[in-house]
């Protein structure tokens, strides 16, 4: 139950103490360090579908023009159009 201050509102003393305790690291726990490795970070291979999400609208429209497809619409529509074209070409 919150304490009532002399001004009539609830006291934040308990909340302040809990916040301070949460910020202090616990001294009784030990977290083992991960061994260092000499490997270079590997980036996942980017397929065309991932590539479309990273492209700007202008780049998407250039690709659509190159494929002689409709260039109008918002980015999600342009991406769908390119992906549909990829599926048609794969079949």
PDB file of N, CA and C in Angstrom:
ATOM      1  N   UNK A   1       0.850  -1.161   0.000  1.00  0.00           N
ATOM      2  CA  UNK A   1       0.000   0.000   0.000  1.00  0.00           C
ATOM      3  C   UNK A   1       0.905   1.235   0.000  1.00  0.00           C
ATOM      4  N   UNK A   2       0.667   2.190  -0.909  1.00  0.00           N
ATOM      5  CA  UNK A   2       1.538   3.356  -0.965  1.00  0.00           C
ATOM      6  C   UNK A   2       1.349   4.254   0.257  1.00  0.00           C
ATOM      7  N   UNK A   3       2.431   4.845   0.641  1.00  0.00           N
ATOM      8  CA  UNK A   3       2.368   5.791   1.758  1.00  0.00           C
ATOM      9  C   UNK A   3       1.753   7.092   1.268  1.00  0.00           C
ATOM     10  N   UNK A   4       1.066   7.766   2.151  1.00  0.00           N
ATOM     11  CA  UNK A   4       0.455   9.046   1.805  1.00  0.00           C
ATOM     12  C   UNK A   4       1.354  10.158   2.348  1.00  0.00           C
ATOM     13  N   UNK A   5       1.712  11.091   1.501  1.00  0.00           N
ATOM     14  CA  UNK A   5       2.553  12.217   1.920  1.00  0.00           C
ATOM     15  C   UNK A   5       1.707  13.257   2.620  1.00  0.00           C
ATOM     16  N   UNK A   6       2.361  14.201   3.203  1.00  0.00           N
ATOM     17  CA  UNK A   6       1.599  15.240   3.897  1.00  0.00           C
ATOM     18  C   UNK A   6       0.859  16.147   2.923  1.00  0.00           C
ATOM     19  N   UNK A   7       1.195  16.048   1.645  1.00  0.00           N
ATOM     20  CA  UNK A   7       0.480  16.825   0.633  1.00  0.00           C
ATOM     21  C   UNK A   7      -0.762  16.093   0.152  1.00  0.00           C
ATOM     22  N   UNK A   8      -0.928  14.863   0.599  1.00  0.00           N
ATOM     23  CA  UNK A   8      -2.134  14.123   0.263  1.00  0.00           C
ATOM     24  C   UNK A   8      -1.972  13.138  -0.878  1.00  0.00           C
ATOM     25  N   UNK A   9      -0.835  13.151  -1.580  1.00  0.00           N
ATOM     26  CA  UNK A   9      -0.633  12.235  -2.701  1.00  0.00           C
ATOM     27  C   UNK A   9       0.188  11.031  -2.286  1.00  0.00           C
ATOM     28  N   UNK A  10       0.223  10.009  -3.125  1.00  0.00           N
ATOM     29  CA  UNK A  10       1.016   8.826  -2.797  1.00  0.00           C
ATOM     30  C   UNK A  10       2.513   9.140  -2.887  1.00  0.00           C
ATOM     31  N   UNK A  11       3.298   8.434  -2.096  1.00  0.00           N
ATOM     32  CA  UNK A  11       4.743   8.616  -2.077  1.00  0.00           C
ATOM     33  C   UNK A  11       5.388   7.753  -3.147  1.00  0.00           C
ATOM     34  N   UNK A  12       6.406   8.274  -3.795  1.00  0.00           N
ATOM     35  CA  UNK A  12       7.146   7.517  -4.795  1.00  0.00           C
ATOM     36  C   UNK A  12       8.410   6.908  -4.207  1.00  0.00           C
ATOM     37  N   UNK A  13       8.572   6.948  -2.899  1.00  0.00           N
ATOM     38  CA  UNK A  13       9.795   6.469  -2.260  1.00  0.00           C
ATOM     39  C   UNK A  13      10.031   4.998  -2.552  1.00  0.00           C
ATOM     40  N   UNK A  14       8.991   4.173  -2.480  1.00  0.00           N
ATOM     41  CA  UNK A  14       9.156   2.744  -2.747  1.00  0.00           C
ATOM     42  C   UNK A  14       9.524   2.499  -4.207  1.00  0.00           C
ATOM     43  N   UNK A  15       8.914   3.227  -5.126  1.00  0.00           N
ATOM     44  CA  UNK A  15       9.211   3.062  -6.550  1.00  0.00           C
ATOM     45  C   UNK A  15      10.631   3.504  -6.859  1.00  0.00           C
ATOM     46  N   UNK A  16      11.079   4.597  -6.230  1.00  0.00           N
ATOM     47  CA  UNK A  16      12.444   5.070  -6.443  1.00  0.00           C
ATOM     48  C   UNK A  16      13.459   4.059  -5.930  1.00  0.00           C
ATOM     49  N   UNK A  17      13.214   3.468  -4.785  1.00  0.00           N
ATOM     50  CA  UNK A  17      14.129   2.478  -4.217  1.00  0.00           C
ATOM     51  C   UNK A  17      14.177   1.237  -5.094  1.00  0.00           C
ATOM     52  N   UNK A  18      13.043   0.814  -5.619  1.00  0.00           N
ATOM     53  CA  UNK A  18      12.999  -0.361  -6.487  1.00  0.00           C
ATOM     54  C   UNK A  18      13.741  -0.100  -7.788  1.00  0.00           C
ATOM     55  N   UNK A  19      13.614   1.097  -8.340  1.00  0.00           N
ATOM     56  CA  UNK A  19      14.306   1.443  -9.581  1.00  0.00           C
ATOM     57  C   UNK A  19      15.808   1.464  -9.374  1.00  0.00           C
ATOM     58  N   UNK A  20      16.267   1.995  -8.245  1.00  0.00           N
ATOM     59  CA  UNK A  20      17.705   2.017  -7.958  1.00  0.00           C
ATOM     60  C   UNK A  20      18.241   0.612  -7.783  1.00  0.00           C
ATOM     61  N   UNK A  21      17.495  -0.243  -7.110  1.00  0.00           N
ATOM     62  CA  UNK A  21      17.935  -1.621  -6.892  1.00  0.00           C
ATOM     63  C   UNK A  21      18.014  -2.371  -8.212  1.00  0.00           C
ATOM     64  N   UNK A  22      17.110  -2.086  -9.121  1.00  0.00           N
ATOM     65  CA  UNK A  22      17.116  -2.762 -10.415  1.00  0.00           C
ATOM     66  C   UNK A  22      18.307  -2.353 -11.259  1.00  0.00           C
ATOM     67  N   UNK A  23      18.828  -1.143 -11.065  1.00  0.00           N
ATOM     68  CA  UNK A  23      19.951  -0.664 -11.862  1.00  0.00           C
ATOM     69  C   UNK A  23      21.290  -1.178 -11.355  1.00  0.00           C
ATOM     70  N   UNK A  24      21.369  -1.536 -10.091  1.00  0.00           N
ATOM     71  CA  UNK A  24      22.629  -2.013  -9.534  1.00  0.00           C
ATOM     72  C   UNK A  24      22.851  -3.466  -9.945  1.00  0.00           C
ATOM     73  N   UNK A  25      24.058  -3.802 -10.410  1.00  0.00           N
ATOM     74  CA  UNK A  25      24.314  -5.192 -10.786  1.00  0.00           C
ATOM     75  C   UNK A  25      24.391  -6.066  -9.536  1.00  0.00           C
ATOM     76  N   UNK A  26      23.911  -7.283  -9.675  1.00  0.00           N
ATOM     77  CA  UNK A  26      23.984  -8.207  -8.553  1.00  0.00           C
ATOM     78  C   UNK A  26      25.409  -8.714  -8.427  1.00  0.00           C
ATOM     79  N   UNK A  27      25.895  -8.778  -7.223  1.00  0.00           N
ATOM     80  CA  UNK A  27      27.271  -9.184  -6.983  1.00  0.00           C
ATOM     81  C   UNK A  27      27.399 -10.690  -6.787  1.00  0.00           C
ATOM     82  N   UNK A  28      26.280 -11.382  -6.580  1.00  0.00           N
ATOM     83  CA  UNK A  28      26.354 -12.804  -6.300  1.00  0.00           C
ATOM     84  C   UNK A  28      26.199 -13.673  -7.546  1.00  0.00           C
ATOM     85  N   UNK A  29      26.029 -13.076  -8.713  1.00  0.00           N
ATOM     86  CA  UNK A  29      25.899 -13.866  -9.936  1.00  0.00           C
ATOM     87  C   UNK A  29      27.147 -13.717 -10.781  1.00  0.00           C
ATOM     88  N   UNK A  30      27.517 -14.799 -11.447  1.00  0.00           N
ATOM     89  CA  UNK A  30      28.681 -14.788 -12.318  1.00  0.00           C
ATOM     90  C   UNK A  30      28.235 -15.184 -13.716  1.00  0.00           C
ATOM     91  N   UNK A  31      28.517 -14.341 -14.679  1.00  0.00           N
ATOM     92  CA  UNK A  31      28.190 -14.635 -16.065  1.00  0.00           C
ATOM     93  C   UNK A  31      29.494 -14.982 -16.766  1.00  0.00           C
ATOM     94  N   UNK A  32      29.622 -16.223 -17.242  1.00  0.00           N
ATOM     95  CA  UNK A  32      30.874 -16.598 -17.911  1.00  0.00           C
ATOM     96  C   UNK A  32      31.025 -15.844 -19.227  1.00  0.00           C
ATOM     97  N   UNK A  33      32.249 -15.473 -19.518  1.00  0.00           N
ATOM     98  CA  UNK A  33      32.513 -14.768 -20.770  1.00  0.00           C
ATOM     99  C   UNK A  33      32.527 -15.763 -21.916  1.00  0.00           C
ATOM    100  N   UNK A  34      32.040 -15.297 -23.070  1.00  0.00           N
ATOM    101  CA  UNK A  34      32.058 -16.156 -24.244  1.00  0.00           C
ATOM    102  C   UNK A  34      33.460 -16.162 -24.819  1.00  0.00           C
ATOM    103  N   UNK A  35      33.920 -17.323 -25.276  1.00  0.00           N
ATOM    104  CA  UNK A  35      35.259 -17.367 -25.867  1.00  0.00           C
ATOM    105  C   UNK A  35      35.291 -16.579 -27.176  1.00  0.00           C
ATOM    106  N   UNK A  36      36.387 -15.893 -27.398  1.00  0.00           N
ATOM    107  CA  UNK A  36      36.527 -15.121 -28.627  1.00  0.00           C
ATOM    108  C   UNK A  36      36.852 -16.055 -29.774  1.00  0.00           C
ATOM    109  N   UNK A  37      36.281 -15.772 -30.923  1.00  0.00           N
ATOM    110  CA  UNK A  37      36.554 -16.571 -32.109  1.00  0.00           C
ATOM    111  C   UNK A  37      37.173 -15.682 -33.164  1.00  0.00           C
ATOM    112  N   UNK A  38      37.904 -16.286 -34.043  1.00  0.00           N
ATOM    113  CA  UNK A  38      38.594 -15.551 -35.103  1.00  0.00           C
ATOM    114  C   UNK A  38      37.789 -15.509 -36.392  1.00  0.00           C
ATOM    115  N   UNK A  39      36.539 -15.964 -36.356  1.00  0.00           N
ATOM    116  CA  UNK A  39      35.729 -16.007 -37.569  1.00  0.00           C
ATOM    117  C   UNK A  39      35.188 -14.627 -37.902  1.00  0.00           C
ATOM    118  N   UNK A  40      35.068 -14.377 -39.182  1.00  0.00           N
ATOM    119  CA  UNK A  40      34.471 -13.129 -39.630  1.00  0.00           C
ATOM    120  C   UNK A  40      32.959 -13.307 -39.614  1.00  0.00           C
ATOM    121  N   UNK A  41      32.217 -12.261 -39.296  1.00  0.00           N
ATOM    122  CA  UNK A  41      30.760 -12.387 -39.297  1.00  0.00           C
ATOM    123  C   UNK A  41      30.259 -12.692 -40.701  1.00  0.00           C
ATOM    124  N   UNK A  42      29.321 -13.611 -40.758  1.00  0.00           N
ATOM    125  CA  UNK A  42      28.770 -13.994 -42.055  1.00  0.00           C
ATOM    126  C   UNK A  42      27.429 -13.313 -42.242  1.00  0.00           C
ATOM    127  N   UNK A  43      27.260 -12.695 -43.390  1.00  0.00           N
ATOM    128  CA  UNK A  43      25.989 -12.076 -43.713  1.00  0.00           C
ATOM    129  C   UNK A  43      25.145 -13.097 -44.457  1.00  0.00           C
ATOM    130  N   UNK A  44      23.861 -13.147 -44.161  1.00  0.00           N
ATOM    131  CA  UNK A  44      23.021 -14.089 -44.885  1.00  0.00           C
ATOM    132  C   UNK A  44      22.950 -13.703 -46.353  1.00  0.00           C
ATOM    133  N   UNK A  45      22.851 -14.704 -47.194  1.00  0.00           N
ATOM    134  CA  UNK A  45      22.753 -14.449 -48.630  1.00  0.00           C
ATOM    135  C   UNK A  45      21.450 -13.715 -48.901  1.00  0.00           C
ATOM    136  N   UNK A  46      21.552 -12.650 -49.673  1.00  0.00           N
ATOM    137  CA  UNK A  46      20.364 -11.871 -49.978  1.00  0.00           C
ATOM    138  C   UNK A  46      19.784 -12.330 -51.294  1.00  0.00           C
ATOM    139  N   UNK A  47      18.550 -12.804 -51.239  1.00  0.00           N
ATOM    140  CA  UNK A  47      17.847 -13.158 -52.452  1.00  0.00           C
ATOM    141  C   UNK A  47      17.183 -11.922 -53.017  1.00  0.00           C
ATOM    142  N   UNK A  48      16.608 -12.035 -54.207  1.00  0.00           N
ATOM    143  CA  UNK A  48      15.966 -10.870 -54.810  1.00  0.00           C
ATOM    144  C   UNK A  48      14.833 -10.310 -53.955  1.00  0.00           C
ATOM    145  N   UNK A  49      14.117 -11.187 -53.242  1.00  0.00           N
ATOM    146  CA  UNK A  49      13.001 -10.692 -52.452  1.00  0.00           C
ATOM    147  C   UNK A  49      13.486  -9.821 -51.303  1.00  0.00           C
ATOM    148  N   UNK A  50      14.586 -10.227 -50.642  1.00  0.00           N
ATOM    149  CA  UNK A  50      15.145  -9.406 -49.580  1.00  0.00           C
ATOM    150  C   UNK A  50      15.670  -8.095 -50.162  1.00  0.00           C
ATOM    151  N   UNK A  51      16.230  -8.189 -51.340  1.00  0.00           N
ATOM    152  CA  UNK A  51      16.812  -7.030 -52.007  1.00  0.00           C
ATOM    153  C   UNK A  51      15.738  -5.975 -52.275  1.00  0.00           C
ATOM    154  N   UNK A  52      14.541  -6.390 -52.658  1.00  0.00           N
ATOM    155  CA  UNK A  52      13.481  -5.436 -52.978  1.00  0.00           C
ATOM    156  C   UNK A  52      13.099  -4.604 -51.760  1.00  0.00           C
ATOM    157  N   UNK A  53      13.079  -5.226 -50.586  1.00  0.00           N
ATOM    158  CA  UNK A  53      12.715  -4.493 -49.375  1.00  0.00           C
ATOM    159  C   UNK A  53      13.731  -3.405 -49.056  1.00  0.00           C
ATOM    160  N   UNK A  54      14.982  -3.620 -49.429  1.00  0.00           N
ATOM    161  CA  UNK A  54      16.040  -2.652 -49.141  1.00  0.00           C
ATOM    162  C   UNK A  54      16.139  -1.543 -50.191  1.00  0.00           C
ATOM    163  N   UNK A  55      15.473  -1.709 -51.319  1.00  0.00           N
ATOM    164  CA  UNK A  55      15.559  -0.734 -52.407  1.00  0.00           C
ATOM    165  C   UNK A  55      14.639   0.455 -52.151  1.00  0.00           C
ATOM    166  N   UNK A  56      15.009   1.599 -52.710  1.00  0.00           N
ATOM    167  CA  UNK A  56      14.151   2.779 -52.628  1.00  0.00           C
ATOM    168  C   UNK A  56      13.054   2.673 -53.679  1.00  0.00           C
ATOM    169  N   UNK A  57      12.044   3.511 -53.557  1.00  0.00           N
ATOM    170  CA  UNK A  57      10.950   3.516 -54.529  1.00  0.00           C
ATOM    171  C   UNK A  57      11.486   3.843 -55.918  1.00  0.00           C
ATOM    172  N   UNK A  58      12.420   4.780 -55.998  1.00  0.00           N
ATOM    173  CA  UNK A  58      12.996   5.140 -57.303  1.00  0.00           C
ATOM    174  C   UNK A  58      13.716   3.940 -57.927  1.00  0.00           C
ATOM    175  N   UNK A  59      14.454   3.198 -57.119  1.00  0.00           N
ATOM    176  CA  UNK A  59      15.156   2.015 -57.633  1.00  0.00           C
ATOM    177  C   UNK A  59      14.171   0.935 -58.071  1.00  0.00           C
ATOM    178  N   UNK A  60      13.105   0.767 -57.292  1.00  0.00           N
ATOM    179  CA  UNK A  60      12.087  -0.216 -57.668  1.00  0.00           C
ATOM    180  C   UNK A  60      11.434   0.162 -58.990  1.00  0.00           C
ATOM    181  N   UNK A  61      11.159   1.450 -59.171  1.00  0.00           N
ATOM    182  CA  UNK A  61      10.538   1.906 -60.421  1.00  0.00           C
ATOM    183  C   UNK A  61      11.473   1.725 -61.607  1.00  0.00           C
ATOM    184  N   UNK A  62      12.773   1.941 -61.389  1.00  0.00           N
ATOM    185  CA  UNK A  62      13.749   1.697 -62.462  1.00  0.00           C
ATOM    186  C   UNK A  62      13.738   0.227 -62.868  1.00  0.00           C
ATOM    187  N   UNK A  63      13.693  -0.666 -61.869  1.00  0.00           N
ATOM    188  CA  UNK A  63      13.668  -2.107 -62.160  1.00  0.00           C
ATOM    189  C   UNK A  63      12.385  -2.494 -62.880  1.00  0.00           C
ATOM    190  N   UNK A  64      11.263  -1.915 -62.466  1.00  0.00           N
ATOM    191  CA  UNK A  64       9.997  -2.190 -63.141  1.00  0.00           C
ATOM    192  C   UNK A  64      10.028  -1.693 -64.589  1.00  0.00           C
ATOM    193  N   UNK A  65      10.609  -0.522 -64.819  1.00  0.00           N
ATOM    194  CA  UNK A  65      10.721   0.014 -66.178  1.00  0.00           C
ATOM    195  C   UNK A  65      11.604  -0.890 -67.031  1.00  0.00           C
ATOM    196  N   UNK A  66      12.690  -1.379 -66.433  1.00  0.00           N
ATOM    197  CA  UNK A  66      13.596  -2.277 -67.162  1.00  0.00           C
ATOM    198  C   UNK A  66      12.864  -3.547 -67.592  1.00  0.00           C
ATOM    199  N   UNK A  67      11.939  -3.998 -66.768  1.00  0.00           N
ATOM    200  CA  UNK A  67      11.159  -5.204 -67.072  1.00  0.00           C
ATOM    201  C   UNK A  67       9.883  -4.890 -67.850  1.00  0.00           C
ATOM    202  N   UNK A  68       9.687  -3.624 -68.189  1.00  0.00           N
ATOM    203  CA  UNK A  68       8.504  -3.157 -68.909  1.00  0.00           C
ATOM    204  C   UNK A  68       7.217  -3.493 -68.161  1.00  0.00           C
ATOM    205  N   UNK A  69       7.230  -3.234 -66.839  1.00  0.00           N
ATOM    206  CA  UNK A  69       6.056  -3.437 -66.000  1.00  0.00           C
ATOM    207  C   UNK A  69       5.540  -2.080 -65.531  1.00  0.00           C
ATOM    208  N   UNK A  70       4.302  -2.064 -65.024  1.00  0.00           N
ATOM    209  CA  UNK A  70       3.687  -0.836 -64.515  1.00  0.00           C
ATOM    210  C   UNK A  70       4.505  -0.293 -63.353  1.00  0.00           C
ATOM    211  N   UNK A  71       4.818   1.005 -63.392  1.00  0.00           N
ATOM    212  CA  UNK A  71       5.674   1.637 -62.375  1.00  0.00           C
ATOM    213  C   UNK A  71       4.882   2.433 -61.353  1.00  0.00           C
ATOM    214  N   UNK A  72       3.554   2.407 -61.406  1.00  0.00           N
ATOM    215  CA  UNK A  72       2.757   3.221 -60.493  1.00  0.00           C
ATOM    216  C   UNK A  72       2.429   2.454 -59.222  1.00  0.00           C
ATOM    217  N   UNK A  73       2.201   3.199 -58.149  1.00  0.00           N
ATOM    218  CA  UNK A  73       1.801   2.591 -56.884  1.00  0.00           C
ATOM    219  C   UNK A  73       2.777   2.909 -55.773  1.00  0.00           C
ATOM    220  N   UNK A  74       2.428   2.430 -54.590  1.00  0.00           N
ATOM    221  CA  UNK A  74       3.278   2.628 -53.418  1.00  0.00           C
ATOM    222  C   UNK A  74       4.276   1.483 -53.338  1.00  0.00           C
ATOM    223  N   UNK A  75       5.283   1.660 -52.488  1.00  0.00           N
ATOM    224  CA  UNK A  75       6.385   0.701 -52.403  1.00  0.00           C
ATOM    225  C   UNK A  75       5.921  -0.756 -52.239  1.00  0.00           C
ATOM    226  N   UNK A  76       4.993  -1.051 -51.317  1.00  0.00           N
ATOM    227  CA  UNK A  76       4.583  -2.454 -51.189  1.00  0.00           C
ATOM    228  C   UNK A  76       4.002  -3.025 -52.481  1.00  0.00           C
ATOM    229  N   UNK A  77       3.285  -2.213 -53.228  1.00  0.00           N
ATOM    230  CA  UNK A  77       2.716  -2.655 -54.494  1.00  0.00           C
ATOM    231  C   UNK A  77       3.822  -2.933 -55.514  1.00  0.00           C
ATOM    232  N   UNK A  78       4.835  -2.069 -55.539  1.00  0.00           N
ATOM    233  CA  UNK A  78       5.938  -2.250 -56.475  1.00  0.00           C
ATOM    234  C   UNK A  78       6.709  -3.537 -56.158  1.00  0.00           C
ATOM    235  N   UNK A  79       6.932  -3.781 -54.876  1.00  0.00           N
ATOM    236  CA  UNK A  79       7.649  -4.987 -54.457  1.00  0.00           C
ATOM    237  C   UNK A  79       6.864  -6.230 -54.848  1.00  0.00           C
ATOM    238  N   UNK A  80       5.550  -6.212 -54.606  1.00  0.00           N
ATOM    239  CA  UNK A  80       4.713  -7.361 -54.973  1.00  0.00           C
ATOM    240  C   UNK A  80       4.778  -7.604 -56.475  1.00  0.00           C
ATOM    241  N   UNK A  81       4.726  -6.541 -57.247  1.00  0.00           N
ATOM    242  CA  UNK A  81       4.772  -6.667 -58.706  1.00  0.00           C
ATOM    243  C   UNK A  81       6.084  -7.305 -59.168  1.00  0.00           C
ATOM    244  N   UNK A  82       7.188  -6.900 -58.571  1.00  0.00           N
ATOM    245  CA  UNK A  82       8.481  -7.491 -58.929  1.00  0.00           C
ATOM    246  C   UNK A  82       8.554  -8.958 -58.505  1.00  0.00           C
ATOM    247  N   UNK A  83       8.052  -9.261 -57.318  1.00  0.00           N
ATOM    248  CA  UNK A  83       8.074 -10.661 -56.849  1.00  0.00           C
ATOM    249  C   UNK A  83       7.195 -11.544 -57.728  1.00  0.00           C
ATOM    250  N   UNK A  84       6.043 -11.036 -58.126  1.00  0.00           N
ATOM    251  CA  UNK A  84       5.172 -11.801 -59.025  1.00  0.00           C
ATOM    252  C   UNK A  84       5.852 -12.042 -60.354  1.00  0.00           C
ATOM    253  N   UNK A  85       6.584 -11.041 -60.843  1.00  0.00           N
ATOM    254  CA  UNK A  85       7.311 -11.200 -62.091  1.00  0.00           C
ATOM    255  C   UNK A  85       8.419 -12.237 -61.937  1.00  0.00           C
ATOM    256  N   UNK A  86       9.086 -12.255 -60.798  1.00  0.00           N
ATOM    257  CA  UNK A  86      10.109 -13.266 -60.541  1.00  0.00           C
ATOM    258  C   UNK A  86       9.526 -14.679 -60.583  1.00  0.00           C
ATOM    259  N   UNK A  87       8.331 -14.827 -59.993  1.00  0.00           N
ATOM    260  CA  UNK A  87       7.682 -16.144 -59.977  1.00  0.00           C
ATOM    261  C   UNK A  87       7.305 -16.570 -61.392  1.00  0.00           C
ATOM    262  N   UNK A  88       6.781 -15.609 -62.191  1.00  0.00           N
ATOM    263  CA  UNK A  88       6.434 -15.923 -63.581  1.00  0.00           C
ATOM    264  C   UNK A  88       7.660 -16.356 -64.367  1.00  0.00           C
ATOM    265  N   UNK A  89       8.776 -15.689 -64.142  1.00  0.00           N
ATOM    266  CA  UNK A  89      10.006 -16.026 -64.873  1.00  0.00           C
ATOM    267  C   UNK A  89      10.559 -17.377 -64.432  1.00  0.00           C
ATOM    268  N   UNK A  90      10.354 -17.746 -63.164  1.00  0.00           N
ATOM    269  CA  UNK A  90      10.871 -19.011 -62.643  1.00  0.00           C
ATOM    270  C   UNK A  90      10.082 -20.203 -63.194  1.00  0.00           C
ATOM    271  N   UNK A  91       8.806 -19.961 -63.517  1.00  0.00           N
ATOM    272  CA  UNK A  91       7.966 -21.067 -64.024  1.00  0.00           C
ATOM    273  C   UNK A  91       8.213 -21.320 -65.453  1.00  0.00           C
TER     274      UNK A  91
END
